[in-house]
Amino acid sequence: MESSYANVETWLRGYLADLLNIPNTEISPTMPFENFGLDSAAMVALTSDLSKWVGRELKSDLLFLYPDIQSVARFLGEAQLKPVI
């Protein structure tokens, strides 16, 4: 099984690709979330959905503290959070 880092990165790339209706290959893990055109409400919604996926409550300002996929995945990977199956 892939590491938590890889799982989080994959989930976030898929989430953004679905939300923006673009291929996930166009989602760079180092591009800031704000560059995808997400407003604060969309970022809070993304955090809420991510929280449900990992099965733990996450602070609503997570994506402001960790402004790209790579930093969020690193943070959650280090916290060793497991997705809810």
N, C-alpha and C. Protein backbone atom coordinates (compact mmCIF):
# COMPACT_ATOMS: atom_id res chain seq x y z
N MET A 1 0.85 -1.19 0.00
CA MET A 1 0.00 0.00 0.00
C MET A 1 0.89 1.25 0.00
N GLU A 2 0.41 2.27 -0.69
CA GLU A 2 1.16 3.51 -0.77
C GLU A 2 1.20 4.21 0.58
N SER A 3 2.16 5.09 0.72
CA SER A 3 2.28 5.86 1.96
C SER A 3 1.11 6.81 2.12
N SER A 4 0.91 7.28 3.32
CA SER A 4 -0.14 8.25 3.57
C SER A 4 0.07 9.50 2.72
N TYR A 5 1.34 9.91 2.56
CA TYR A 5 1.65 11.08 1.73
C TYR A 5 1.09 10.88 0.32
N ALA A 6 1.40 9.75 -0.29
CA ALA A 6 0.95 9.48 -1.65
C ALA A 6 -0.58 9.41 -1.74
N ASN A 7 -1.20 8.80 -0.75
CA ASN A 7 -2.66 8.71 -0.75
C ASN A 7 -3.31 10.08 -0.67
N VAL A 8 -2.79 10.94 0.19
CA VAL A 8 -3.34 12.28 0.33
C VAL A 8 -3.12 13.07 -0.95
N GLU A 9 -1.93 12.99 -1.51
CA GLU A 9 -1.66 13.72 -2.76
C GLU A 9 -2.60 13.27 -3.87
N THR A 10 -2.77 11.97 -4.01
CA THR A 10 -3.66 11.43 -5.04
C THR A 10 -5.09 11.89 -4.83
N TRP A 11 -5.55 11.85 -3.58
CA TRP A 11 -6.92 12.26 -3.28
C TRP A 11 -7.12 13.74 -3.62
N LEU A 12 -6.19 14.58 -3.19
CA LEU A 12 -6.31 16.02 -3.45
C LEU A 12 -6.27 16.33 -4.95
N ARG A 13 -5.38 15.67 -5.67
CA ARG A 13 -5.31 15.90 -7.12
C ARG A 13 -6.62 15.48 -7.79
N GLY A 14 -7.17 14.34 -7.39
CA GLY A 14 -8.44 13.89 -7.95
C GLY A 14 -9.59 14.81 -7.59
N TYR A 15 -9.61 15.27 -6.35
CA TYR A 15 -10.66 16.17 -5.89
C TYR A 15 -10.65 17.45 -6.71
N LEU A 16 -9.47 18.06 -6.85
CA LEU A 16 -9.38 19.30 -7.61
C LEU A 16 -9.69 19.09 -9.09
N ALA A 17 -9.23 17.98 -9.65
CA ALA A 17 -9.51 17.69 -11.05
C ALA A 17 -11.02 17.57 -11.28
N ASP A 18 -11.71 16.87 -10.38
CA ASP A 18 -13.16 16.75 -10.49
C ASP A 18 -13.85 18.09 -10.31
N LEU A 19 -13.41 18.84 -9.32
CA LEU A 19 -14.02 20.14 -9.03
C LEU A 19 -13.86 21.11 -10.20
N LEU A 20 -12.68 21.12 -10.80
CA LEU A 20 -12.36 22.07 -11.86
C LEU A 20 -12.62 21.51 -13.26
N ASN A 21 -13.00 20.23 -13.31
CA ASN A 21 -13.29 19.56 -14.58
C ASN A 21 -12.09 19.62 -15.52
N ILE A 22 -10.93 19.25 -14.99
CA ILE A 22 -9.70 19.19 -15.78
C ILE A 22 -8.99 17.87 -15.47
N PRO A 23 -8.11 17.41 -16.35
CA PRO A 23 -7.37 16.18 -16.06
C PRO A 23 -6.48 16.35 -14.84
N ASN A 24 -6.35 15.30 -14.04
CA ASN A 24 -5.52 15.41 -12.84
C ASN A 24 -4.05 15.62 -13.18
N THR A 25 -3.66 15.34 -14.42
CA THR A 25 -2.28 15.61 -14.85
C THR A 25 -1.99 17.11 -14.92
N GLU A 26 -3.04 17.92 -14.94
CA GLU A 26 -2.86 19.38 -14.96
C GLU A 26 -2.79 19.97 -13.55
N ILE A 27 -2.90 19.12 -12.54
CA ILE A 27 -2.86 19.56 -11.15
C ILE A 27 -1.44 19.36 -10.63
N SER A 28 -0.72 20.44 -10.45
CA SER A 28 0.64 20.37 -9.92
C SER A 28 0.58 20.36 -8.39
N PRO A 29 1.28 19.43 -7.76
CA PRO A 29 1.25 19.37 -6.29
C PRO A 29 1.92 20.57 -5.62
N THR A 30 2.68 21.35 -6.39
CA THR A 30 3.35 22.51 -5.79
C THR A 30 2.67 23.83 -6.13
N MET A 31 1.60 23.78 -6.91
CA MET A 31 0.88 25.01 -7.25
C MET A 31 -0.02 25.41 -6.08
N PRO A 32 0.05 26.66 -5.65
CA PRO A 32 -0.82 27.10 -4.55
C PRO A 32 -2.31 26.92 -4.88
N PHE A 33 -3.08 26.55 -3.88
CA PHE A 33 -4.52 26.34 -4.08
C PHE A 33 -5.18 27.57 -4.68
N GLU A 34 -4.75 28.76 -4.28
CA GLU A 34 -5.37 29.99 -4.80
C GLU A 34 -5.18 30.12 -6.31
N ASN A 35 -4.14 29.50 -6.87
CA ASN A 35 -3.92 29.55 -8.32
C ASN A 35 -4.94 28.73 -9.09
N PHE A 36 -5.66 27.86 -8.41
CA PHE A 36 -6.72 27.08 -9.04
C PHE A 36 -8.04 27.84 -9.05
N GLY A 37 -8.04 29.06 -8.52
CA GLY A 37 -9.24 29.89 -8.50
C GLY A 37 -10.19 29.56 -7.37
N LEU A 38 -9.70 28.88 -6.34
CA LEU A 38 -10.56 28.54 -5.21
C LEU A 38 -10.69 29.74 -4.27
N ASP A 39 -11.91 30.06 -3.93
CA ASP A 39 -12.12 31.12 -2.93
C ASP A 39 -12.08 30.48 -1.54
N SER A 40 -12.18 31.31 -0.52
CA SER A 40 -12.06 30.79 0.85
C SER A 40 -13.16 29.77 1.17
N ALA A 41 -14.37 29.97 0.67
CA ALA A 41 -15.45 29.02 0.92
C ALA A 41 -15.15 27.67 0.30
N ALA A 42 -14.59 27.67 -0.90
CA ALA A 42 -14.24 26.41 -1.57
C ALA A 42 -13.10 25.70 -0.83
N MET A 43 -12.17 26.48 -0.30
CA MET A 43 -11.06 25.88 0.44
C MET A 43 -11.53 25.28 1.76
N VAL A 44 -12.48 25.92 2.41
CA VAL A 44 -13.04 25.36 3.65
C VAL A 44 -13.83 24.09 3.33
N ALA A 45 -14.58 24.09 2.22
CA ALA A 45 -15.32 22.90 1.81
C ALA A 45 -14.37 21.75 1.48
N LEU A 46 -13.28 22.05 0.79
CA LEU A 46 -12.29 21.03 0.47
C LEU A 46 -11.70 20.45 1.76
N THR A 47 -11.39 21.31 2.71
CA THR A 47 -10.85 20.85 3.99
C THR A 47 -11.85 19.95 4.70
N SER A 48 -13.12 20.32 4.66
CA SER A 48 -14.16 19.50 5.30
C SER A 48 -14.24 18.12 4.64
N ASP A 49 -14.21 18.08 3.32
CA ASP A 49 -14.26 16.80 2.62
C ASP A 49 -13.01 15.97 2.89
N LEU A 50 -11.87 16.61 2.94
CA LEU A 50 -10.62 15.92 3.27
C LEU A 50 -10.68 15.36 4.69
N SER A 51 -11.24 16.13 5.59
CA SER A 51 -11.39 15.70 6.98
C SER A 51 -12.23 14.42 7.06
N LYS A 52 -13.31 14.38 6.31
CA LYS A 52 -14.16 13.19 6.27
C LYS A 52 -13.39 12.01 5.69
N TRP A 53 -12.60 12.27 4.66
CA TRP A 53 -11.85 11.20 4.01
C TRP A 53 -10.80 10.60 4.93
N VAL A 54 -10.10 11.44 5.68
CA VAL A 54 -9.06 10.91 6.57
C VAL A 54 -9.64 10.41 7.89
N GLY A 55 -10.90 10.76 8.15
CA GLY A 55 -11.55 10.28 9.37
C GLY A 55 -11.15 11.02 10.62
N ARG A 56 -10.65 12.23 10.46
CA ARG A 56 -10.25 13.06 11.60
C ARG A 56 -10.65 14.50 11.33
N GLU A 57 -10.93 15.22 12.40
CA GLU A 57 -11.24 16.63 12.25
C GLU A 57 -9.96 17.40 11.91
N LEU A 58 -10.06 18.24 10.90
CA LEU A 58 -8.95 19.10 10.50
C LEU A 58 -9.36 20.55 10.68
N LYS A 59 -8.42 21.40 11.05
CA LYS A 59 -8.72 22.81 11.22
C LYS A 59 -9.15 23.42 9.89
N SER A 60 -10.14 24.29 9.94
CA SER A 60 -10.66 24.88 8.71
C SER A 60 -9.64 25.74 7.97
N ASP A 61 -8.58 26.17 8.67
CA ASP A 61 -7.56 26.99 8.01
C ASP A 61 -6.38 26.16 7.49
N LEU A 62 -6.54 24.84 7.43
CA LEU A 62 -5.46 23.94 7.00
C LEU A 62 -4.84 24.38 5.68
N LEU A 63 -5.68 24.70 4.69
CA LEU A 63 -5.16 25.02 3.36
C LEU A 63 -4.56 26.42 3.29
N PHE A 64 -4.78 27.21 4.31
CA PHE A 64 -4.13 28.51 4.38
C PHE A 64 -2.75 28.35 5.02
N LEU A 65 -2.64 27.40 5.96
CA LEU A 65 -1.36 27.12 6.61
C LEU A 65 -0.44 26.29 5.72
N TYR A 66 -1.03 25.41 4.95
CA TYR A 66 -0.30 24.54 4.02
C TYR A 66 -0.90 24.79 2.64
N PRO A 67 -0.34 25.74 1.88
CA PRO A 67 -1.01 26.30 0.71
C PRO A 67 -0.95 25.52 -0.60
N ASP A 68 -0.42 24.31 -0.59
CA ASP A 68 -0.42 23.51 -1.80
C ASP A 68 -0.56 22.03 -1.45
N ILE A 69 -0.81 21.23 -2.46
CA ILE A 69 -1.04 19.80 -2.25
C ILE A 69 0.16 19.14 -1.56
N GLN A 70 1.34 19.47 -2.01
CA GLN A 70 2.54 18.84 -1.46
C GLN A 70 2.69 19.11 0.04
N SER A 71 2.47 20.34 0.45
CA SER A 71 2.63 20.64 1.88
C SER A 71 1.53 20.02 2.73
N VAL A 72 0.30 19.96 2.21
CA VAL A 72 -0.78 19.29 2.94
C VAL A 72 -0.49 17.80 3.06
N ALA A 73 -0.09 17.20 1.95
CA ALA A 73 0.21 15.76 1.96
C ALA A 73 1.36 15.45 2.91
N ARG A 74 2.37 16.30 2.92
CA ARG A 74 3.50 16.09 3.82
C ARG A 74 3.03 16.20 5.28
N PHE A 75 2.25 17.23 5.58
CA PHE A 75 1.74 17.42 6.93
C PHE A 75 0.91 16.23 7.38
N LEU A 76 -0.04 15.81 6.55
CA LEU A 76 -0.91 14.69 6.93
C LEU A 76 -0.15 13.37 6.93
N GLY A 77 0.79 13.22 6.02
CA GLY A 77 1.61 12.02 5.99
C GLY A 77 2.44 11.88 7.25
N GLU A 78 2.99 13.00 7.71
CA GLU A 78 3.77 12.97 8.94
C GLU A 78 2.88 12.68 10.15
N ALA A 79 1.63 13.10 10.07
CA ALA A 79 0.69 12.83 11.16
C ALA A 79 0.18 11.40 11.10
N GLN A 80 0.53 10.69 10.01
CA GLN A 80 0.15 9.30 9.80
C GLN A 80 -1.35 9.07 9.90
N LEU A 81 -2.09 9.95 9.22
CA LEU A 81 -3.53 9.80 9.19
C LEU A 81 -3.89 8.75 8.15
N LYS A 82 -4.87 7.95 8.46
CA LYS A 82 -5.31 6.90 7.57
C LYS A 82 -6.68 7.28 6.97
N PRO A 83 -6.90 6.99 5.67
CA PRO A 83 -8.21 7.27 5.09
C PRO A 83 -9.28 6.34 5.66
N VAL A 84 -10.50 6.83 5.67
CA VAL A 84 -11.64 6.03 6.08
C VAL A 84 -12.04 5.15 4.90
N ILE A 85 -12.18 3.86 5.15
CA ILE A 85 -12.55 2.93 4.06
C ILE A 85 -13.99 2.52 4.22
